[in-house]
Amino acid sequence: MRVLVLVAPGQGAQTPGFLTPWLELPGAAERVAGWSDAIGLDLAHYGTNADADEIRDTAVAQPLLVAAGLLSASALGSPSAFGAVAGHSVGEITAAAHAGVLTESEALSFVRTRGLAMAEAAAVTETGMAAVLGGDRDVVVAHLERLGLTPANINGAGQIVAAGTMEQIAALEAEKPDGSMKVVALKVAGAFHTHHMTPAVAALQKATEALAPADPTVKYVSNRDGLVVDKGADVVARLVGQVANPVRWDLCMETFAELGVTGIIELSPGGTLTGLAKRALKGVPSVALKTPDDLDKAAALIAAQAA
């Protein structure tokens, strides 16, 4: 049995102008205009003309990423081609929509609330995130904890993202863990998936009252612990708690392997998660949707999986 997995990237994957070619697809500009009106944010402007600093804003980046994910997912065709779906951080909202747990309008409304609430929480203290590349996982985690940092994203493939105050990040840059190759500061506006985001949880919990989640139509792999979640209400509960708890993408990839993954497609703006998969799931073919030009490669992979 072949298992094709669809994955959606998280915050930090966005780059200036990345939405431009996707808006040229039939009906895309009209869909994005409708979403923009619904959530009070000009997604087309931010995805085409805004600079890196503007789209670094959490309240902008998160809805923009979900919109791009929804556009690229619909361009792939039927969700039935995929045996499992997962998202990294805010990408879980895109994954939930693709799995039928949320409607597109629910996903965008929810992510708008998420982005605003997390931006407000991030404004309380100057915080940030940095990726530690290489090194033994236990050694890296212990080093981070000594510095007062949280291992906010344990991504596998030799990558752990630390989060905390800017002073703590500076201490990490000055003293990287034994065995690691380098520390790279990330273009995000806060210490996501840590206790610094706790104030956002209540706002998201309130927002769930407007949702009517359905059970997933494909296997939904949660990045909280890599488990397959089969109830829509449980998926939503995890989306709420996830903002203040670490992402375990390493466990998601372990689950992909246990499911027998034979192919991976990453939604726009793709590249980050397929890069991790190439190191952790060696030999599994993958396609990252960076522009619509990549849709033909994705279609070929889907066809090969179905053959």
Protein backbone atom coordinates (compact mmCIF):
# COMPACT_ATOMS: atom_id res chain seq x y z
CA MET A 1 0.00 0.00 0.00
CA ARG A 2 1.34 3.43 -0.97
CA VAL A 3 0.95 6.31 1.47
CA LEU A 4 1.31 9.83 0.10
CA VAL A 5 1.60 12.46 2.85
CA LEU A 6 0.66 16.14 2.47
CA VAL A 7 2.47 18.57 4.78
CA ALA A 8 2.03 22.31 5.42
CA PRO A 9 4.91 24.56 6.55
CA GLY A 10 4.90 26.95 9.50
CA GLN A 11 5.88 30.52 10.21
CA GLY A 12 9.24 31.58 8.84
CA ALA A 13 8.67 29.88 5.49
CA GLN A 14 7.22 33.06 3.95
CA THR A 15 9.30 35.27 1.65
CA PRO A 16 8.43 38.60 -0.02
CA GLY A 17 6.25 38.15 -3.10
CA PHE A 18 5.83 34.39 -2.73
CA LEU A 19 2.06 34.56 -3.30
CA THR A 20 2.36 36.42 -6.63
CA PRO A 21 2.46 33.43 -9.03
CA TRP A 22 -0.29 31.60 -7.15
CA LEU A 23 -2.68 34.51 -7.70
CA GLU A 24 -2.35 33.95 -11.44
CA LEU A 25 -4.16 30.60 -11.20
CA PRO A 26 -7.80 30.67 -12.38
CA GLY A 27 -10.08 32.04 -9.66
CA ALA A 28 -7.25 32.45 -7.13
CA ALA A 29 -7.28 36.25 -6.96
CA GLU A 30 -11.04 36.23 -6.39
CA ARG A 31 -10.78 33.64 -3.62
CA VAL A 32 -8.03 35.58 -1.87
CA ALA A 33 -10.02 38.82 -2.16
CA GLY A 34 -12.98 37.13 -0.49
CA TRP A 35 -10.81 35.75 2.30
CA SER A 36 -9.23 39.18 2.79
CA ASP A 37 -12.64 40.82 3.19
CA ALA A 38 -13.75 38.14 5.62
CA ILE A 39 -10.79 38.50 8.00
CA GLY A 40 -9.99 42.20 7.52
CA LEU A 41 -6.49 41.69 6.12
CA ASP A 42 -5.28 42.41 2.58
CA LEU A 43 -3.68 39.04 1.87
CA ALA A 44 -2.92 39.88 -1.77
CA HIS A 45 -0.97 42.98 -0.78
CA TYR A 46 1.07 41.21 1.86
CA GLY A 47 1.72 38.21 -0.38
CA THR A 48 2.88 40.29 -3.35
CA ASN A 49 4.12 43.76 -2.42
CA ALA A 50 5.05 43.70 1.27
CA ASP A 51 8.67 43.49 2.36
CA ALA A 52 10.28 40.95 4.68
CA ASP A 53 9.69 43.01 7.82
CA GLU A 54 5.99 43.46 7.07
CA ILE A 55 5.37 39.75 6.58
CA ARG A 56 7.45 38.88 9.62
CA ASP A 57 4.61 40.32 11.71
CA THR A 58 2.91 37.34 13.32
CA ALA A 59 -0.57 38.76 12.74
CA VAL A 60 0.19 38.92 8.99
CA ALA A 61 2.40 35.88 8.45
CA GLN A 62 0.04 33.30 9.88
CA PRO A 63 -3.08 34.06 7.78
CA LEU A 64 -0.84 34.52 4.74
CA LEU A 65 0.67 31.06 5.16
CA VAL A 66 -2.71 29.38 5.60
CA ALA A 67 -4.10 31.18 2.55
CA ALA A 68 -1.13 30.04 0.45
CA GLY A 69 -1.52 26.51 1.74
CA LEU A 70 -5.22 26.42 0.86
CA LEU A 71 -4.58 27.78 -2.63
CA SER A 72 -1.83 25.29 -3.40
CA ALA A 73 -3.78 22.38 -1.89
CA SER A 74 -6.82 23.08 -4.06
CA ALA A 75 -4.57 23.21 -7.13
CA LEU A 76 -3.51 19.63 -6.41
CA GLY A 77 -7.02 18.28 -6.83
CA SER A 78 -8.90 15.79 -4.65
CA PRO A 79 -7.79 15.30 -1.02
CA SER A 80 -8.41 11.56 -1.51
CA ALA A 81 -4.98 11.24 -3.18
CA PHE A 82 -3.37 11.55 0.25
CA GLY A 83 -3.21 8.95 2.99
CA ALA A 84 -2.14 11.35 5.72
CA VAL A 85 -1.77 15.05 6.39
CA ALA A 86 0.21 17.09 8.92
CA GLY A 87 1.28 20.67 9.51
CA HIS A 88 4.16 22.34 11.27
CA SER A 89 2.96 24.92 13.84
CA VAL A 90 0.42 27.19 12.08
CA GLY A 91 0.53 24.72 9.18
CA GLU A 92 -1.66 22.47 11.33
CA ILE A 93 -4.59 24.78 10.58
CA THR A 94 -4.01 24.29 6.85
CA ALA A 95 -3.79 20.54 7.44
CA ALA A 96 -7.03 20.60 9.44
CA ALA A 97 -8.81 22.32 6.56
CA HIS A 98 -7.44 19.84 4.01
CA ALA A 99 -8.55 16.94 6.21
CA GLY A 100 -12.09 18.35 6.35
CA VAL A 101 -11.96 19.20 10.06
CA LEU A 102 -12.43 22.92 9.36
CA THR A 103 -13.94 24.75 6.40
CA GLU A 104 -11.72 27.24 4.59
CA SER A 105 -13.57 30.16 6.16
CA GLU A 106 -13.26 28.62 9.63
CA ALA A 107 -9.54 28.01 9.12
CA LEU A 108 -8.90 31.61 8.05
CA SER A 109 -11.00 33.11 10.83
CA PHE A 110 -9.27 30.91 13.40
CA VAL A 111 -5.77 31.68 12.12
CA ARG A 112 -6.56 35.40 12.11
CA THR A 113 -7.41 35.15 15.81
CA ARG A 114 -4.30 33.03 16.41
CA GLY A 115 -1.99 35.50 14.71
CA LEU A 116 -3.38 38.52 16.54
CA ALA A 117 -3.34 36.76 19.93
CA MET A 118 0.20 35.49 19.50
CA ALA A 119 1.42 38.88 18.30
CA GLU A 120 -0.09 40.46 21.42
CA ALA A 121 1.55 37.84 23.64
CA ALA A 122 4.90 38.36 21.88
CA ALA A 123 4.75 42.10 22.55
CA VAL A 124 4.89 41.59 26.32
CA THR A 125 8.58 40.57 26.32
CA GLU A 126 11.20 40.81 23.58
CA THR A 127 11.65 37.20 22.55
CA GLY A 128 12.83 35.19 19.57
CA MET A 129 13.86 31.81 18.19
CA ALA A 130 17.04 30.26 16.81
CA ALA A 131 17.74 26.95 15.10
CA VAL A 132 20.49 24.72 16.45
CA LEU A 133 21.90 22.60 13.63
CA GLY A 134 23.63 19.32 14.42
CA GLY A 135 24.53 17.70 17.69
CA ASP A 136 22.99 14.99 19.86
CA ARG A 137 19.36 15.77 20.72
CA ASP A 138 19.70 15.11 24.46
CA VAL A 139 22.90 17.18 24.67
CA VAL A 140 21.31 20.09 22.81
CA VAL A 141 18.11 20.02 24.88
CA ALA A 142 20.08 19.95 28.15
CA HIS A 143 22.19 22.89 26.99
CA LEU A 144 19.10 24.91 26.08
CA GLU A 145 17.48 24.22 29.42
CA ARG A 146 20.62 25.37 31.25
CA LEU A 147 20.32 28.69 29.43
CA GLY A 148 16.63 28.98 30.32
CA LEU A 149 15.55 28.34 26.72
CA THR A 150 12.75 26.06 25.54
CA PRO A 151 13.31 23.45 22.80
CA ALA A 152 10.22 24.79 21.01
CA ASN A 153 10.56 22.81 17.76
CA ILE A 154 12.24 19.41 17.85
CA ASN A 155 12.30 18.94 14.11
CA GLY A 156 14.44 15.84 13.69
CA ALA A 157 17.18 15.53 11.06
CA GLY A 158 19.60 17.29 13.39
CA GLN A 159 17.56 20.45 13.92
CA ILE A 160 16.15 21.84 17.16
CA VAL A 161 14.70 25.33 17.45
CA ALA A 162 15.24 27.16 20.73
CA ALA A 163 12.94 29.91 21.98
CA GLY A 164 13.20 32.46 24.76
CA THR A 165 14.18 36.03 25.53
CA MET A 166 16.59 37.82 23.22
CA GLU A 167 19.19 37.75 26.00
CA GLN A 168 18.87 33.98 26.20
CA ILE A 169 19.12 33.68 22.41
CA ALA A 170 22.26 35.84 22.47
CA ALA A 171 23.76 33.55 25.13
CA LEU A 172 23.05 30.56 22.89
CA GLU A 173 24.72 32.23 19.90
CA ALA A 174 27.76 32.92 22.08
CA GLU A 175 27.89 29.39 23.46
CA LYS A 176 26.46 26.78 21.12
CA PRO A 177 25.89 23.22 22.38
CA ASP A 178 28.73 20.68 22.20
CA GLY A 179 28.69 18.86 18.87
CA SER A 180 26.41 21.31 17.08
CA MET A 181 27.53 23.00 13.88
CA LYS A 182 25.89 26.41 14.16
CA VAL A 183 23.08 28.50 15.58
CA VAL A 184 20.85 30.42 13.14
CA ALA A 185 18.46 33.15 14.30
CA LEU A 186 14.99 32.80 12.76
CA LYS A 187 12.88 35.52 11.17
CA VAL A 188 10.00 35.27 13.60
CA ALA A 189 8.58 37.81 16.01
CA GLY A 190 8.38 35.87 19.26
CA ALA A 191 9.11 32.76 21.33
CA PHE A 192 6.36 30.60 19.88
CA HIS A 193 5.41 27.26 21.46
CA THR A 194 6.64 28.32 24.90
CA HIS A 195 5.09 29.69 28.09
CA HIS A 196 5.49 33.18 26.58
CA MET A 197 2.46 32.34 24.40
CA THR A 198 0.19 31.25 27.26
CA PRO A 199 -1.93 34.47 27.07
CA ALA A 200 -2.96 33.50 23.51
CA VAL A 201 -4.51 30.19 24.61
CA ALA A 202 -7.60 31.80 26.15
CA ALA A 203 -8.32 33.81 22.99
CA LEU A 204 -8.09 30.69 20.85
CA GLN A 205 -10.27 28.70 23.21
CA LYS A 206 -12.92 31.41 22.89
CA ALA A 207 -12.59 31.29 19.09
CA THR A 208 -13.39 27.57 19.02
CA GLU A 209 -16.97 28.38 20.02
CA ALA A 210 -17.56 29.52 16.43
CA LEU A 211 -16.25 26.27 14.94
CA ALA A 212 -18.14 23.11 14.01
CA PRO A 213 -15.30 20.61 13.55
CA ALA A 214 -15.85 17.42 11.56
CA ASP A 215 -13.82 14.25 11.95
CA PRO A 216 -10.79 14.04 9.62
CA THR A 217 -11.35 12.37 6.27
CA VAL A 218 -7.68 11.30 6.08
CA LYS A 219 -5.16 10.42 8.80
CA TYR A 220 -4.36 13.61 10.69
CA VAL A 221 -0.93 13.48 12.34
CA SER A 222 -0.62 15.90 15.27
CA ASN A 223 2.66 17.70 15.81
CA ARG A 224 2.14 17.68 19.57
CA ASP A 225 3.19 14.06 19.80
CA GLY A 226 3.07 12.50 16.35
CA LEU A 227 -0.18 10.66 17.08
CA VAL A 228 -2.92 10.11 14.51
CA VAL A 229 -6.02 11.98 15.75
CA ASP A 230 -9.38 10.75 14.46
CA LYS A 231 -11.84 13.11 16.14
CA GLY A 232 -12.37 16.67 14.93
CA ALA A 233 -12.96 18.02 18.43
CA ASP A 234 -9.61 16.56 19.52
CA VAL A 235 -7.86 18.17 16.55
CA VAL A 236 -9.25 21.58 17.51
CA ALA A 237 -8.29 21.13 21.17
CA ARG A 238 -4.74 20.39 20.06
CA LEU A 239 -4.70 23.47 17.82
CA VAL A 240 -5.50 25.57 20.88
CA GLY A 241 -2.93 24.06 23.23
CA GLN A 242 -0.25 23.86 20.56
CA VAL A 243 0.59 27.58 20.61
CA ALA A 244 2.17 27.31 24.07
CA ASN A 245 3.71 23.84 23.72
CA PRO A 246 6.62 22.45 21.67
CA VAL A 247 6.26 21.15 18.12
CA ARG A 248 7.48 17.56 17.76
CA TRP A 249 8.01 17.28 14.03
CA ASP A 250 10.51 14.50 14.67
CA LEU A 251 7.67 12.36 16.01
CA CYS A 252 5.48 13.25 13.01
CA MET A 253 8.17 11.93 10.66
CA GLU A 254 8.48 8.78 12.76
CA THR A 255 4.73 8.29 12.35
CA PHE A 256 5.01 8.85 8.58
CA ALA A 257 7.57 6.04 8.51
CA GLU A 258 5.33 3.76 10.59
CA LEU A 259 2.44 4.44 8.20
CA GLY A 260 4.68 3.38 5.31
CA VAL A 261 5.14 6.78 3.66
CA THR A 262 6.06 6.48 -0.01
CA GLY A 263 5.87 10.15 -1.03
CA ILE A 264 5.59 13.65 0.45
CA ILE A 265 4.20 16.86 -1.02
CA GLU A 266 4.74 20.15 0.82
CA LEU A 267 2.28 22.97 0.28
CA SER A 268 3.31 26.53 -0.54
CA PRO A 269 5.66 28.05 0.48
CA GLY A 270 7.38 24.68 0.35
CA GLY A 271 10.95 23.66 1.02
CA THR A 272 11.47 23.51 4.78
CA LEU A 273 9.64 20.27 5.58
CA THR A 274 10.76 18.40 2.47
CA GLY A 275 14.31 19.40 3.39
CA LEU A 276 13.91 17.75 6.79
CA ALA A 277 12.32 14.69 5.21
CA LYS A 278 15.21 14.21 2.80
CA ARG A 279 17.52 13.77 5.78
CA ALA A 280 15.20 11.85 8.12
CA LEU A 281 13.22 9.77 5.58
CA LYS A 282 15.95 8.95 3.11
CA GLY A 283 14.78 7.63 -0.24
CA VAL A 284 11.20 8.89 0.06
CA PRO A 285 10.41 11.03 -3.00
CA SER A 286 9.14 14.53 -2.28
CA VAL A 287 7.95 17.67 -4.02
CA ALA A 288 7.94 21.17 -2.51
CA LEU A 289 5.37 23.56 -4.00
CA LYS A 290 7.30 26.81 -4.27
CA THR A 291 5.47 28.13 -7.33
CA PRO A 292 2.71 26.76 -9.59
CA ASP A 293 5.50 25.49 -11.86
CA ASP A 294 5.96 22.71 -9.30
CA LEU A 295 2.39 21.44 -9.73
CA ASP A 296 3.38 19.23 -12.68
CA LYS A 297 6.00 17.48 -10.53
CA ALA A 298 3.43 17.02 -7.78
CA ALA A 299 0.91 15.61 -10.26
CA ALA A 300 3.53 13.15 -11.52
CA LEU A 301 4.25 12.00 -7.97
CA ILE A 302 0.52 11.59 -7.26
CA ALA A 303 0.09 9.59 -10.47
CA ALA A 304 3.06 7.38 -9.65
CA GLN A 305 1.66 6.70 -6.17
CA ALA A 306 -1.73 5.76 -7.64
CA ALA A 307 -0.28 3.45 -10.31
